[in-house]
Amino acid sequence: MMKLYEWHKVEGVSFVQMEEGKLVEVSVADKKIGLLRRGDAVYAFTAACPHAGARLCDGWVDPLGRIVCPDHKYRFDSVNGRNTTGEGYKLFTYPVEIRGDDVFVGIIIA
C-alpha cells in the first residue's frame, strides 16, 4: 500500500542557511521534528529519542553522520533511523523535499 503524505513547508529554515552536520529542532504540523543537513540532502526525524525521550537536537552528529543521543549515547542512522549501537530502538524518520531554498517535510496522512 502506498503511503500518502501531506507536505509542510518548514518555517524559519532555508536549505542554503542550514549548517552541514548541525542538528536543528523545528515544529511541523504540531510535531517536534529534528533536521540534519548532510551534503545536498536534509534528513528529518522525531526530535525525541525513542529510548527515554531525550531531545536529540541537544546531541551531536558523529563522523559517520549518525545522530547521537545526549543522554545515553545511542546512535541512529540519519537516513533510515536504524539504531546502530545495538539497543534495538528505531528512530522515526520523515521524507524531505527541497524546493528551491525551502525545506518541506512529509507527514503521513494515509
C-alpha atoms as a PDB file:
ATOM      1  CA  MET A   1       0.000   0.000   0.000  1.00  0.00           C
ATOM      2  CA  MET A   2       1.348   3.390  -0.995  1.00  0.00           C
ATOM      3  CA  LYS A   3       1.771   5.982   1.756  1.00  0.00           C
ATOM      4  CA  LEU A   4       0.162   9.386   1.256  1.00  0.00           C
ATOM      5  CA  TYR A   5       1.857  12.466   2.639  1.00  0.00           C
ATOM      6  CA  GLU A   6       0.771  15.988   3.380  1.00  0.00           C
ATOM      7  CA  TRP A   7       3.744  18.235   2.690  1.00  0.00           C
ATOM      8  CA  HIS A   8       4.543  21.076   5.088  1.00  0.00           C
ATOM      9  CA  LYS A   9       6.994  23.893   4.484  1.00  0.00           C
ATOM     10  CA  VAL A  10       9.375  24.238   7.419  1.00  0.00           C
ATOM     11  CA  GLU A  11       9.078  27.840   8.554  1.00  0.00           C
ATOM     12  CA  GLY A  12      12.213  29.725   9.519  1.00  0.00           C
ATOM     13  CA  VAL A  13      14.564  27.230   7.852  1.00  0.00           C
ATOM     14  CA  SER A  14      16.231  27.719   4.488  1.00  0.00           C
ATOM     15  CA  PHE A  15      18.220  24.935   2.841  1.00  0.00           C
ATOM     16  CA  VAL A  16      21.084  27.271   1.945  1.00  0.00           C
ATOM     17  CA  GLN A  17      21.290  28.590   5.508  1.00  0.00           C
ATOM     18  CA  MET A  18      21.351  25.163   7.155  1.00  0.00           C
ATOM     19  CA  GLU A  19      24.784  24.262   8.505  1.00  0.00           C
ATOM     20  CA  GLU A  20      26.285  20.955   7.438  1.00  0.00           C
ATOM     21  CA  GLY A  21      26.096  18.407  10.264  1.00  0.00           C
ATOM     22  CA  LYS A  22      24.185  20.651  12.695  1.00  0.00           C
ATOM     23  CA  LEU A  23      21.008  19.345  14.343  1.00  0.00           C
ATOM     24  CA  VAL A  24      18.026  21.713  14.302  1.00  0.00           C
ATOM     25  CA  GLU A  25      14.683  21.216  16.069  1.00  0.00           C
ATOM     26  CA  VAL A  26      11.563  22.623  14.394  1.00  0.00           C
ATOM     27  CA  SER A  27       7.779  22.336  14.718  1.00  0.00           C
ATOM     28  CA  VAL A  28       5.918  20.896  11.746  1.00  0.00           C
ATOM     29  CA  ALA A  29       2.176  20.160  11.906  1.00  0.00           C
ATOM     30  CA  ASP A  30       2.304  20.286  15.723  1.00  0.00           C
ATOM     31  CA  LYS A  31       5.140  17.741  15.809  1.00  0.00           C
ATOM     32  CA  LYS A  32       8.665  18.312  17.134  1.00  0.00           C
ATOM     33  CA  ILE A  33      10.987  17.256  14.331  1.00  0.00           C
ATOM     34  CA  GLY A  34      14.760  17.262  14.082  1.00  0.00           C
ATOM     35  CA  LEU A  35      16.541  18.196  10.865  1.00  0.00           C
ATOM     36  CA  LEU A  36      20.049  17.402   9.719  1.00  0.00           C
ATOM     37  CA  ARG A  37      21.767  18.597   6.563  1.00  0.00           C
ATOM     38  CA  ARG A  38      24.354  16.251   5.079  1.00  0.00           C
ATOM     39  CA  GLY A  39      25.689  17.425   1.745  1.00  0.00           C
ATOM     40  CA  ASP A  40      22.834  18.106  -0.660  1.00  0.00           C
ATOM     41  CA  ALA A  41      20.287  16.221   1.469  1.00  0.00           C
ATOM     42  CA  VAL A  42      18.232  17.048   4.548  1.00  0.00           C
ATOM     43  CA  TYR A  43      17.009  14.304   6.856  1.00  0.00           C
ATOM     44  CA  ALA A  44      14.036  14.658   9.211  1.00  0.00           C
ATOM     45  CA  PHE A  45      13.321  12.584  12.299  1.00  0.00           C
ATOM     46  CA  THR A  46      11.310  12.612  15.510  1.00  0.00           C
ATOM     47  CA  ALA A  47      13.072  15.049  17.828  1.00  0.00           C
ATOM     48  CA  ALA A  48      12.794  12.796  20.905  1.00  0.00           C
ATOM     49  CA  CYS A  49      14.934   9.713  21.426  1.00  0.00           C
ATOM     50  CA  PRO A  50      12.801   6.545  21.201  1.00  0.00           C
ATOM     51  CA  HIS A  51      14.569   5.141  24.283  1.00  0.00           C
ATOM     52  CA  ALA A  52      13.947   7.732  27.017  1.00  0.00           C
ATOM     53  CA  GLY A  53      12.693  10.865  25.244  1.00  0.00           C
ATOM     54  CA  ALA A  54      15.863  12.970  25.321  1.00  0.00           C
ATOM     55  CA  ARG A  55      15.982  15.914  22.915  1.00  0.00           C
ATOM     56  CA  LEU A  56      18.119  14.551  20.089  1.00  0.00           C
ATOM     57  CA  CYS A  57      18.998  18.020  18.821  1.00  0.00           C
ATOM     58  CA  ASP A  58      20.863  18.534  22.121  1.00  0.00           C
ATOM     59  CA  GLY A  59      23.117  15.685  20.974  1.00  0.00           C
ATOM     60  CA  TRP A  60      25.549  15.718  18.078  1.00  0.00           C
ATOM     61  CA  VAL A  61      26.432  14.057  14.782  1.00  0.00           C
ATOM     62  CA  ASP A  62      29.361  11.642  14.789  1.00  0.00           C
ATOM     63  CA  PRO A  63      31.926  11.384  11.944  1.00  0.00           C
ATOM     64  CA  LEU A  64      29.782   8.701  10.227  1.00  0.00           C
ATOM     65  CA  GLY A  65      26.757  11.021  10.118  1.00  0.00           C
ATOM     66  CA  ARG A  66      24.866   9.241  12.903  1.00  0.00           C
ATOM     67  CA  ILE A  67      22.715  11.197  15.348  1.00  0.00           C
ATOM     68  CA  VAL A  68      24.000  10.670  18.896  1.00  0.00           C
ATOM     69  CA  CYS A  69      21.562  10.906  21.808  1.00  0.00           C
ATOM     70  CA  PRO A  70      22.881  13.266  24.508  1.00  0.00           C
ATOM     71  CA  ASP A  71      21.678  11.085  27.413  1.00  0.00           C
ATOM     72  CA  HIS A  72      22.796   7.510  26.720  1.00  0.00           C
ATOM     73  CA  LYS A  73      24.893   7.979  23.551  1.00  0.00           C
ATOM     74  CA  TYR A  74      22.692   5.715  21.417  1.00  0.00           C
ATOM     75  CA  ARG A  75      23.407   6.322  17.735  1.00  0.00           C
ATOM     76  CA  PHE A  76      20.861   6.469  14.928  1.00  0.00           C
ATOM     77  CA  ASP A  77      21.375   6.397  11.170  1.00  0.00           C
ATOM     78  CA  SER A  78      20.088   9.729   9.879  1.00  0.00           C
ATOM     79  CA  VAL A  79      18.870   8.184   6.608  1.00  0.00           C
ATOM     80  CA  ASN A  80      16.657   5.377   7.925  1.00  0.00           C
ATOM     81  CA  GLY A  81      16.515   5.856  11.711  1.00  0.00           C
ATOM     82  CA  ARG A  82      18.127   2.495  12.430  1.00  0.00           C
ATOM     83  CA  ASN A  83      19.814   2.199  15.818  1.00  0.00           C
ATOM     84  CA  THR A  84      23.457   1.378  15.054  1.00  0.00           C
ATOM     85  CA  THR A  85      24.645   0.675  18.589  1.00  0.00           C
ATOM     86  CA  GLY A  86      22.545  -2.466  19.028  1.00  0.00           C
ATOM     87  CA  GLU A  87      19.860  -1.482  21.527  1.00  0.00           C
ATOM     88  CA  GLY A  88      17.044  -2.224  19.074  1.00  0.00           C
ATOM     89  CA  TYR A  89      15.304   1.160  19.081  1.00  0.00           C
ATOM     90  CA  LYS A  90      14.281   2.782  15.802  1.00  0.00           C
ATOM     91  CA  LEU A  91      14.048   6.492  15.222  1.00  0.00           C
ATOM     92  CA  PHE A  92      11.007   7.517  13.189  1.00  0.00           C
ATOM     93  CA  THR A  93      12.046   9.390  10.039  1.00  0.00           C
ATOM     94  CA  TYR A  94      10.108  11.643   7.682  1.00  0.00           C
ATOM     95  CA  PRO A  95      10.541  12.217   3.943  1.00  0.00           C
ATOM     96  CA  VAL A  96      12.019  15.569   2.936  1.00  0.00           C
ATOM     97  CA  GLU A  97      11.821  17.554  -0.284  1.00  0.00           C
ATOM     98  CA  ILE A  98      13.933  20.575  -1.142  1.00  0.00           C
ATOM     99  CA  ARG A  99      12.034  23.020  -3.349  1.00  0.00           C
ATOM    100  CA  GLY A 100      14.295  25.895  -4.297  1.00  0.00           C
ATOM    101  CA  ASP A 101      15.639  27.042  -0.921  1.00  0.00           C
ATOM    102  CA  ASP A 102      12.598  25.770   1.003  1.00  0.00           C
ATOM    103  CA  VAL A 103      12.540  22.576   3.056  1.00  0.00           C
ATOM    104  CA  PHE A 104       9.318  20.517   3.098  1.00  0.00           C
ATOM    105  CA  VAL A 105       8.591  17.586   5.412  1.00  0.00           C
ATOM    106  CA  GLY A 106       6.016  14.909   4.552  1.00  0.00           C
ATOM    107  CA  ILE A 107       3.602  13.872   7.288  1.00  0.00           C
ATOM    108  CA  ILE A 108       1.761  10.583   6.679  1.00  0.00           C
ATOM    109  CA  ILE A 109      -1.996  11.052   6.216  1.00  0.00           C
ATOM    110  CA  ALA A 110      -2.911   7.563   4.945  1.00  0.00           C
END
